[in-house]
Amino acid sequence: MANIPVVDLAVFSGGSESERAAFVQQLGKAYEETGFVAVKNHGISDDLIAALYARAQEFFVLPNSVKQQYQIPELAGQRGYTSFGTEHAKGYEAPDLKEFFQFGQIVPEGTANPDEYPSNVVVAEVPEFTPVMLDAYRAFEQAGLHLLRAIAIYLGIGEHYFDEHVHMGNSILRAIHYPPIVTEPSSAIRAEQHEDINLITLLVGASADGLQILTRQGEWVPVTSLPEQIVVNVGDMLQRLTNNRLRSTTHRVVNPPRAEWGKPRYSMPFFLHPRANMSLACLEGCITPNNPKAYEDYTAGQYLDERLREIGLKK
């Protein structure tokens, strides 16, 4: 966890005015300088995390022929299963060495465009998978909302700026499985270097080491979630919105030492997205003579569509 600041979310959600102010400054400075923080007292219970990993492992050990039944090509990987070797990082042709399952937002019938919120894919062979994913999804949403409120205060745009945009936002909970390495790999990388698409990403633990971030000094630093902490990083949408004031940090997943090739790796990131109609136009307060506007005006939906095509999930 070298160079990764640790913040206590309980201080922001229940601390004094001065404690909250200190938290905001600590978080904002970390996102300007590092792009990643570790968060404790985040409100996602150990029991829920354990259940989430257990149900995901039950799914991924199913035969490929069964898992393939839950891959829906027209959903561009946004719900259900995506098979091994399908996704690649932007700018790279070689696929990442992973398979994954995605769970998305549930909205009341008739309140939203079904094309933006397709139904989640229910796995008959693991009946507890869907309810556990939903419980975790809601817990991640709540933790993410508190962090976005702190970010909004730091940016001077009002604590509740993001509330309406992320309420029923199109966030994704992804269960990732990196299978054991059985032959000499052509690369040392399991998931090539990339930046996340969304506003912020919340990552709860991982079953093995491997995550690394690229520092501002150009050095790769390993990041491992400690017990009772989650790692939260800035995504490209927040970088665009803040005109590069808050930077989306480049990260990757590397292969383990040869002695651990036989072990699978599981990871559970929550990609916090806003609603598709949120404007990502650079905030006026983040545009200065020394930092001129760097991006075209996009909506979150337009940007997501572009990026899904770039990483091979959408044709």
Protein backbone atom coordinates (compact mmCIF):
# COMPACT_ATOMS: atom_id res chain seq x y z
CA MET A 1 0.00 0.00 0.00
CA ALA A 2 2.99 2.32 -0.46
CA ASN A 3 1.91 5.88 -1.26
CA ILE A 4 -1.80 5.01 -1.05
CA PRO A 5 -3.51 7.26 1.53
CA VAL A 6 -6.00 5.71 3.95
CA VAL A 7 -9.19 7.62 4.79
CA ASP A 8 -11.93 6.87 7.33
CA LEU A 9 -15.39 7.25 5.79
CA ALA A 10 -17.02 7.24 9.22
CA VAL A 11 -15.36 10.60 9.85
CA PHE A 12 -17.18 12.11 6.87
CA SER A 13 -20.56 10.46 7.49
CA GLY A 14 -20.64 11.08 11.25
CA GLY A 15 -17.78 13.33 12.30
CA SER A 16 -17.67 16.95 13.44
CA GLU A 17 -17.58 19.83 10.97
CA SER A 18 -13.82 20.18 11.35
CA GLU A 19 -13.28 16.42 10.97
CA ARG A 20 -15.40 16.39 7.82
CA ALA A 21 -13.42 19.30 6.41
CA ALA A 22 -10.15 17.50 7.10
CA PHE A 23 -11.48 14.34 5.42
CA VAL A 24 -12.50 16.32 2.32
CA GLN A 25 -9.05 17.86 2.01
CA GLN A 26 -7.30 14.53 2.54
CA LEU A 27 -9.47 12.80 -0.06
CA GLY A 28 -9.25 15.58 -2.63
CA LYS A 29 -5.48 15.91 -2.31
CA ALA A 30 -5.08 12.15 -2.69
CA TYR A 31 -7.16 12.14 -5.86
CA GLU A 32 -5.14 15.02 -7.30
CA GLU A 33 -1.79 13.42 -6.47
CA THR A 34 -2.36 9.64 -6.52
CA GLY A 35 -5.82 8.86 -7.88
CA PHE A 36 -6.29 5.98 -5.42
CA VAL A 37 -7.22 5.83 -1.75
CA ALA A 38 -7.92 3.02 0.70
CA VAL A 39 -11.16 3.52 2.64
CA LYS A 40 -11.98 2.04 6.03
CA ASN A 41 -15.35 2.03 7.81
CA HIS A 42 -17.02 1.94 4.40
CA GLY A 43 -20.18 0.15 5.55
CA ILE A 44 -19.84 -3.02 3.46
CA SER A 45 -19.91 -5.89 5.94
CA ASP A 46 -17.34 -8.67 6.07
CA ASP A 47 -20.13 -11.25 5.89
CA LEU A 48 -21.52 -9.68 2.71
CA ILE A 49 -18.06 -9.58 1.11
CA ALA A 50 -17.45 -13.23 2.01
CA ALA A 51 -20.82 -14.23 0.56
CA LEU A 52 -20.13 -12.26 -2.61
CA TYR A 53 -16.83 -14.04 -3.23
CA ALA A 54 -18.30 -17.44 -2.36
CA ARG A 55 -21.22 -17.12 -4.81
CA ALA A 56 -18.93 -15.79 -7.55
CA GLN A 57 -16.60 -18.76 -7.15
CA GLU A 58 -19.58 -21.12 -7.34
CA PHE A 59 -20.49 -19.56 -10.67
CA PHE A 60 -17.03 -19.56 -12.23
CA VAL A 61 -16.37 -23.25 -11.46
CA LEU A 62 -19.40 -24.19 -13.57
CA PRO A 63 -18.61 -25.84 -16.92
CA ASN A 64 -17.95 -23.41 -19.77
CA SER A 65 -20.95 -24.82 -21.61
CA VAL A 66 -23.17 -23.75 -18.71
CA LYS A 67 -21.59 -20.32 -18.27
CA GLN A 68 -21.96 -19.62 -21.99
CA GLN A 69 -25.73 -19.81 -21.57
CA TYR A 70 -25.49 -16.60 -19.55
CA GLN A 71 -23.54 -14.62 -22.16
CA ILE A 72 -25.90 -12.27 -24.02
CA PRO A 73 -23.99 -10.69 -26.95
CA GLU A 74 -26.48 -7.89 -27.56
CA LEU A 75 -25.92 -6.61 -24.00
CA ALA A 76 -22.25 -5.82 -24.77
CA GLY A 77 -21.12 -7.42 -21.55
CA GLN A 78 -23.15 -5.02 -19.41
CA ARG A 79 -25.18 -7.82 -17.86
CA GLY A 80 -24.39 -11.46 -17.32
CA TYR A 81 -21.34 -13.43 -18.37
CA THR A 82 -18.42 -12.43 -20.59
CA SER A 83 -16.13 -15.27 -21.60
CA PHE A 84 -12.37 -15.55 -21.22
CA GLY A 85 -10.33 -13.46 -23.65
CA THR A 86 -13.14 -11.19 -24.83
CA GLU A 87 -12.23 -7.81 -23.32
CA HIS A 88 -9.02 -5.94 -24.02
CA ALA A 89 -7.63 -2.64 -22.75
CA LYS A 90 -8.04 0.49 -24.86
CA GLY A 91 -5.17 0.66 -27.33
CA TYR A 92 -4.22 -3.02 -26.97
CA GLU A 93 -5.28 -5.91 -29.19
CA ALA A 94 -4.26 -8.76 -26.89
CA PRO A 95 -7.21 -9.81 -24.70
CA ASP A 96 -7.04 -9.75 -20.92
CA LEU A 97 -6.71 -13.16 -19.25
CA LYS A 98 -10.04 -13.08 -17.45
CA GLU A 99 -13.72 -13.89 -17.56
CA PHE A 100 -16.35 -11.92 -15.69
CA PHE A 101 -20.00 -11.55 -14.70
CA GLN A 102 -21.74 -8.18 -14.47
CA PHE A 103 -24.75 -7.10 -12.43
CA GLY A 104 -26.44 -3.75 -12.99
CA GLN A 105 -29.01 -1.30 -11.72
CA ILE A 106 -32.60 -2.36 -11.04
CA VAL A 107 -35.20 0.35 -11.65
CA PRO A 108 -38.97 0.25 -11.08
CA GLU A 109 -40.88 -0.87 -14.15
CA GLY A 110 -41.93 2.00 -16.39
CA THR A 111 -39.54 4.56 -14.84
CA ALA A 112 -36.62 4.28 -17.25
CA ASN A 113 -35.60 3.34 -20.76
CA PRO A 114 -35.19 -0.47 -20.75
CA ASP A 115 -32.38 -0.13 -23.30
CA GLU A 116 -30.35 1.75 -20.67
CA TYR A 117 -31.25 -0.67 -17.87
CA PRO A 118 -31.54 -4.21 -19.27
CA SER A 119 -32.67 -6.94 -16.91
CA ASN A 120 -30.05 -8.72 -14.89
CA VAL A 121 -29.14 -12.28 -15.82
CA VAL A 122 -30.21 -14.85 -13.22
CA VAL A 123 -28.01 -17.94 -12.82
CA ALA A 124 -30.23 -20.93 -12.10
CA GLU A 125 -27.32 -23.07 -10.90
CA VAL A 126 -26.35 -20.53 -8.19
CA PRO A 127 -29.68 -19.23 -6.84
CA GLU A 128 -28.08 -17.03 -4.15
CA PHE A 129 -25.86 -15.21 -6.67
CA THR A 130 -28.46 -12.58 -7.65
CA PRO A 131 -29.64 -11.61 -4.12
CA VAL A 132 -26.05 -11.35 -2.85
CA MET A 133 -25.04 -9.24 -5.86
CA LEU A 134 -28.00 -6.93 -5.22
CA ASP A 135 -27.17 -6.52 -1.52
CA ALA A 136 -23.56 -5.74 -2.38
CA TYR A 137 -24.61 -3.38 -5.16
CA ARG A 138 -26.71 -1.28 -2.78
CA ALA A 139 -23.94 -1.19 -0.17
CA PHE A 140 -21.41 -0.03 -2.75
CA GLU A 141 -23.84 2.64 -3.99
CA GLN A 142 -24.18 4.07 -0.50
CA ALA A 143 -20.42 4.17 0.15
CA GLY A 144 -19.80 5.66 -3.28
CA LEU A 145 -22.40 8.39 -2.75
CA HIS A 146 -20.68 9.54 0.46
CA LEU A 147 -17.33 9.69 -1.33
CA LEU A 148 -18.82 11.67 -4.23
CA ARG A 149 -20.33 14.14 -1.76
CA ALA A 150 -16.90 14.70 -0.26
CA ILE A 151 -15.43 15.15 -3.74
CA ALA A 152 -18.14 17.68 -4.60
CA ILE A 153 -17.32 19.72 -1.50
CA TYR A 154 -13.64 19.64 -2.43
CA LEU A 155 -14.47 20.90 -5.93
CA GLY A 156 -16.66 23.68 -4.54
CA ILE A 157 -19.77 22.61 -6.45
CA GLY A 158 -22.02 21.84 -3.47
CA GLU A 159 -22.13 18.64 -1.45
CA HIS A 160 -25.13 17.17 -3.27
CA TYR A 161 -24.07 17.94 -6.85
CA PHE A 162 -23.78 14.27 -7.79
CA ASP A 163 -26.88 13.02 -5.94
CA GLU A 164 -29.40 13.40 -8.76
CA HIS A 165 -26.94 12.10 -11.35
CA VAL A 166 -26.08 8.86 -9.56
CA HIS A 167 -29.58 8.15 -8.20
CA MET A 168 -30.57 5.08 -10.21
CA GLY A 169 -27.29 5.51 -12.08
CA ASN A 170 -26.07 2.85 -14.47
CA SER A 171 -23.40 1.45 -12.16
CA ILE A 172 -21.96 -2.04 -12.60
CA LEU A 173 -20.82 -4.66 -10.08
CA ARG A 174 -18.34 -6.96 -11.80
CA ALA A 175 -17.19 -10.35 -10.50
CA ILE A 176 -13.86 -11.18 -12.19
CA HIS A 177 -12.11 -14.54 -12.42
CA TYR A 178 -8.51 -14.84 -13.57
CA PRO A 179 -8.05 -18.62 -14.11
CA PRO A 180 -4.89 -20.45 -13.03
CA ILE A 181 -1.97 -20.13 -15.44
CA VAL A 182 -1.39 -23.55 -16.97
CA THR A 183 1.14 -22.78 -19.73
CA GLU A 184 4.01 -20.35 -20.13
CA PRO A 185 2.25 -16.98 -20.63
CA SER A 186 3.18 -14.78 -23.57
CA SER A 187 3.03 -11.73 -21.29
CA ALA A 188 3.56 -10.89 -17.63
CA ILE A 189 0.22 -9.05 -17.63
CA ARG A 190 -3.17 -10.56 -16.76
CA ALA A 191 -5.04 -7.31 -17.40
CA GLU A 192 -3.20 -4.70 -19.45
CA GLN A 193 -2.74 -1.15 -18.19
CA HIS A 194 -5.89 0.94 -18.44
CA GLU A 195 -8.02 3.60 -16.82
CA ASP A 196 -11.60 2.97 -15.71
CA ILE A 197 -14.48 4.50 -17.65
CA ASN A 198 -16.75 5.60 -14.80
CA LEU A 199 -16.78 8.29 -12.07
CA ILE A 200 -15.13 6.24 -9.30
CA THR A 201 -14.37 2.54 -8.82
CA LEU A 202 -14.74 0.79 -5.47
CA LEU A 203 -12.76 -2.44 -5.16
CA VAL A 204 -13.36 -4.75 -2.24
CA GLY A 205 -10.45 -7.06 -1.64
CA ALA A 206 -9.05 -9.60 -4.06
CA SER A 207 -8.24 -13.25 -3.56
CA ALA A 208 -4.60 -12.70 -4.60
CA ASP A 209 -2.10 -9.91 -5.19
CA GLY A 210 -1.46 -8.49 -8.63
CA LEU A 211 -3.01 -5.01 -8.83
CA GLN A 212 -0.50 -2.24 -9.57
CA ILE A 213 -0.91 1.50 -10.15
CA LEU A 214 1.31 3.81 -12.18
CA THR A 215 2.55 6.71 -10.07
CA ARG A 216 3.06 10.26 -11.34
CA GLN A 217 6.77 9.42 -11.31
CA GLY A 218 6.22 6.60 -13.79
CA GLU A 219 6.73 3.74 -11.32
CA TRP A 220 4.44 0.72 -10.90
CA VAL A 221 3.40 0.29 -7.26
CA PRO A 222 1.55 -2.80 -5.92
CA VAL A 223 -1.81 -2.20 -4.26
CA THR A 224 -3.37 -4.77 -1.94
CA SER A 225 -6.58 -4.19 -0.01
CA LEU A 226 -6.00 -4.71 3.68
CA PRO A 227 -8.70 -6.36 5.81
CA GLU A 228 -11.70 -4.08 6.36
CA GLN A 229 -10.61 -1.65 3.64
CA ILE A 230 -11.69 -1.01 0.08
CA VAL A 231 -9.63 0.70 -2.60
CA VAL A 232 -11.33 3.55 -4.48
CA ASN A 233 -9.94 5.23 -7.60
CA VAL A 234 -10.90 8.04 -9.95
CA GLY A 235 -12.31 7.06 -13.35
CA ASP A 236 -12.21 8.78 -16.72
CA MET A 237 -15.65 10.38 -16.38
CA LEU A 238 -14.58 12.25 -13.25
CA GLN A 239 -11.30 13.20 -14.91
CA ARG A 240 -13.20 14.69 -17.87
CA LEU A 241 -15.67 16.49 -15.61
CA THR A 242 -12.84 18.08 -13.59
CA ASN A 243 -10.73 18.89 -16.66
CA ASN A 244 -7.87 16.71 -15.36
CA ARG A 245 -7.84 18.23 -11.88
CA LEU A 246 -8.68 14.80 -10.49
CA ARG A 247 -6.72 12.24 -12.48
CA SER A 248 -7.86 8.81 -13.60
CA THR A 249 -5.01 6.56 -12.51
CA THR A 250 -3.51 3.98 -14.83
CA HIS A 251 -3.50 0.49 -13.33
CA ARG A 252 -2.98 -3.14 -14.36
CA VAL A 253 -3.01 -6.70 -13.03
CA VAL A 254 0.22 -8.68 -13.31
CA ASN A 255 0.83 -12.43 -13.19
CA PRO A 256 1.75 -13.96 -9.83
CA PRO A 257 5.12 -15.60 -9.11
CA ARG A 258 5.52 -18.96 -10.88
CA ALA A 259 4.95 -20.83 -7.61
CA GLU A 260 1.42 -19.38 -7.48
CA TRP A 261 0.43 -19.93 -11.12
CA GLY A 262 -1.93 -22.70 -10.07
CA LYS A 263 -4.09 -20.37 -8.00
CA PRO A 264 -7.07 -18.51 -9.49
CA ARG A 265 -7.57 -14.82 -8.74
CA TYR A 266 -10.95 -13.24 -8.02
CA SER A 267 -11.71 -9.53 -7.87
CA MET A 268 -14.91 -7.51 -7.25
CA PRO A 269 -14.89 -3.93 -8.58
CA PHE A 270 -17.95 -1.69 -8.44
CA PHE A 271 -17.93 0.81 -11.30
CA LEU A 272 -19.99 3.80 -10.14
CA HIS A 273 -21.66 5.36 -13.17
CA PRO A 274 -24.09 8.27 -13.34
CA ARG A 275 -27.28 8.27 -15.34
CA ALA A 276 -26.68 8.33 -19.08
CA ASN A 277 -27.93 11.92 -19.51
CA MET A 278 -25.40 13.47 -17.09
CA SER A 279 -23.24 16.07 -18.81
CA LEU A 280 -19.50 15.48 -18.57
CA ALA A 281 -18.73 18.98 -19.83
CA CYS A 282 -15.74 20.32 -17.90
CA LEU A 283 -16.75 22.22 -14.78
CA GLU A 284 -16.22 25.96 -15.19
CA GLY A 285 -14.30 26.11 -11.93
CA CYS A 286 -11.77 23.61 -13.29
CA ILE A 287 -11.00 25.63 -16.43
CA THR A 288 -8.25 28.22 -16.00
CA PRO A 289 -5.73 30.02 -18.24
CA ASN A 290 -3.12 27.52 -17.05
CA ASN A 291 -5.51 24.58 -17.49
CA PRO A 292 -7.64 25.27 -20.59
CA LYS A 293 -10.60 23.06 -21.44
CA ALA A 294 -9.21 19.69 -22.53
CA TYR A 295 -12.31 17.75 -23.62
CA GLU A 296 -15.34 17.99 -25.88
CA ASP A 297 -18.74 18.11 -24.23
CA TYR A 298 -20.09 14.56 -23.84
CA THR A 299 -22.88 12.95 -21.90
CA ALA A 300 -22.06 9.96 -19.73
CA GLY A 301 -24.05 7.72 -22.06
CA GLN A 302 -22.17 8.90 -25.14
CA TYR A 303 -18.82 8.40 -23.46
CA LEU A 304 -19.71 4.92 -22.17
CA ASP A 305 -20.82 3.84 -25.64
CA GLU A 306 -17.55 5.07 -27.17
CA ARG A 307 -15.40 3.30 -24.59
CA LEU A 308 -17.28 -0.01 -24.80
CA ARG A 309 -16.47 -0.07 -28.50
CA GLU A 310 -12.82 0.73 -27.83
CA ILE A 311 -12.39 -2.20 -25.43
CA GLY A 312 -14.13 -4.73 -27.66
CA LEU A 313 -17.37 -5.28 -25.75
CA LYS A 314 -19.58 -3.44 -28.24
CA LYS A 315 -19.43 -3.70 -32.01
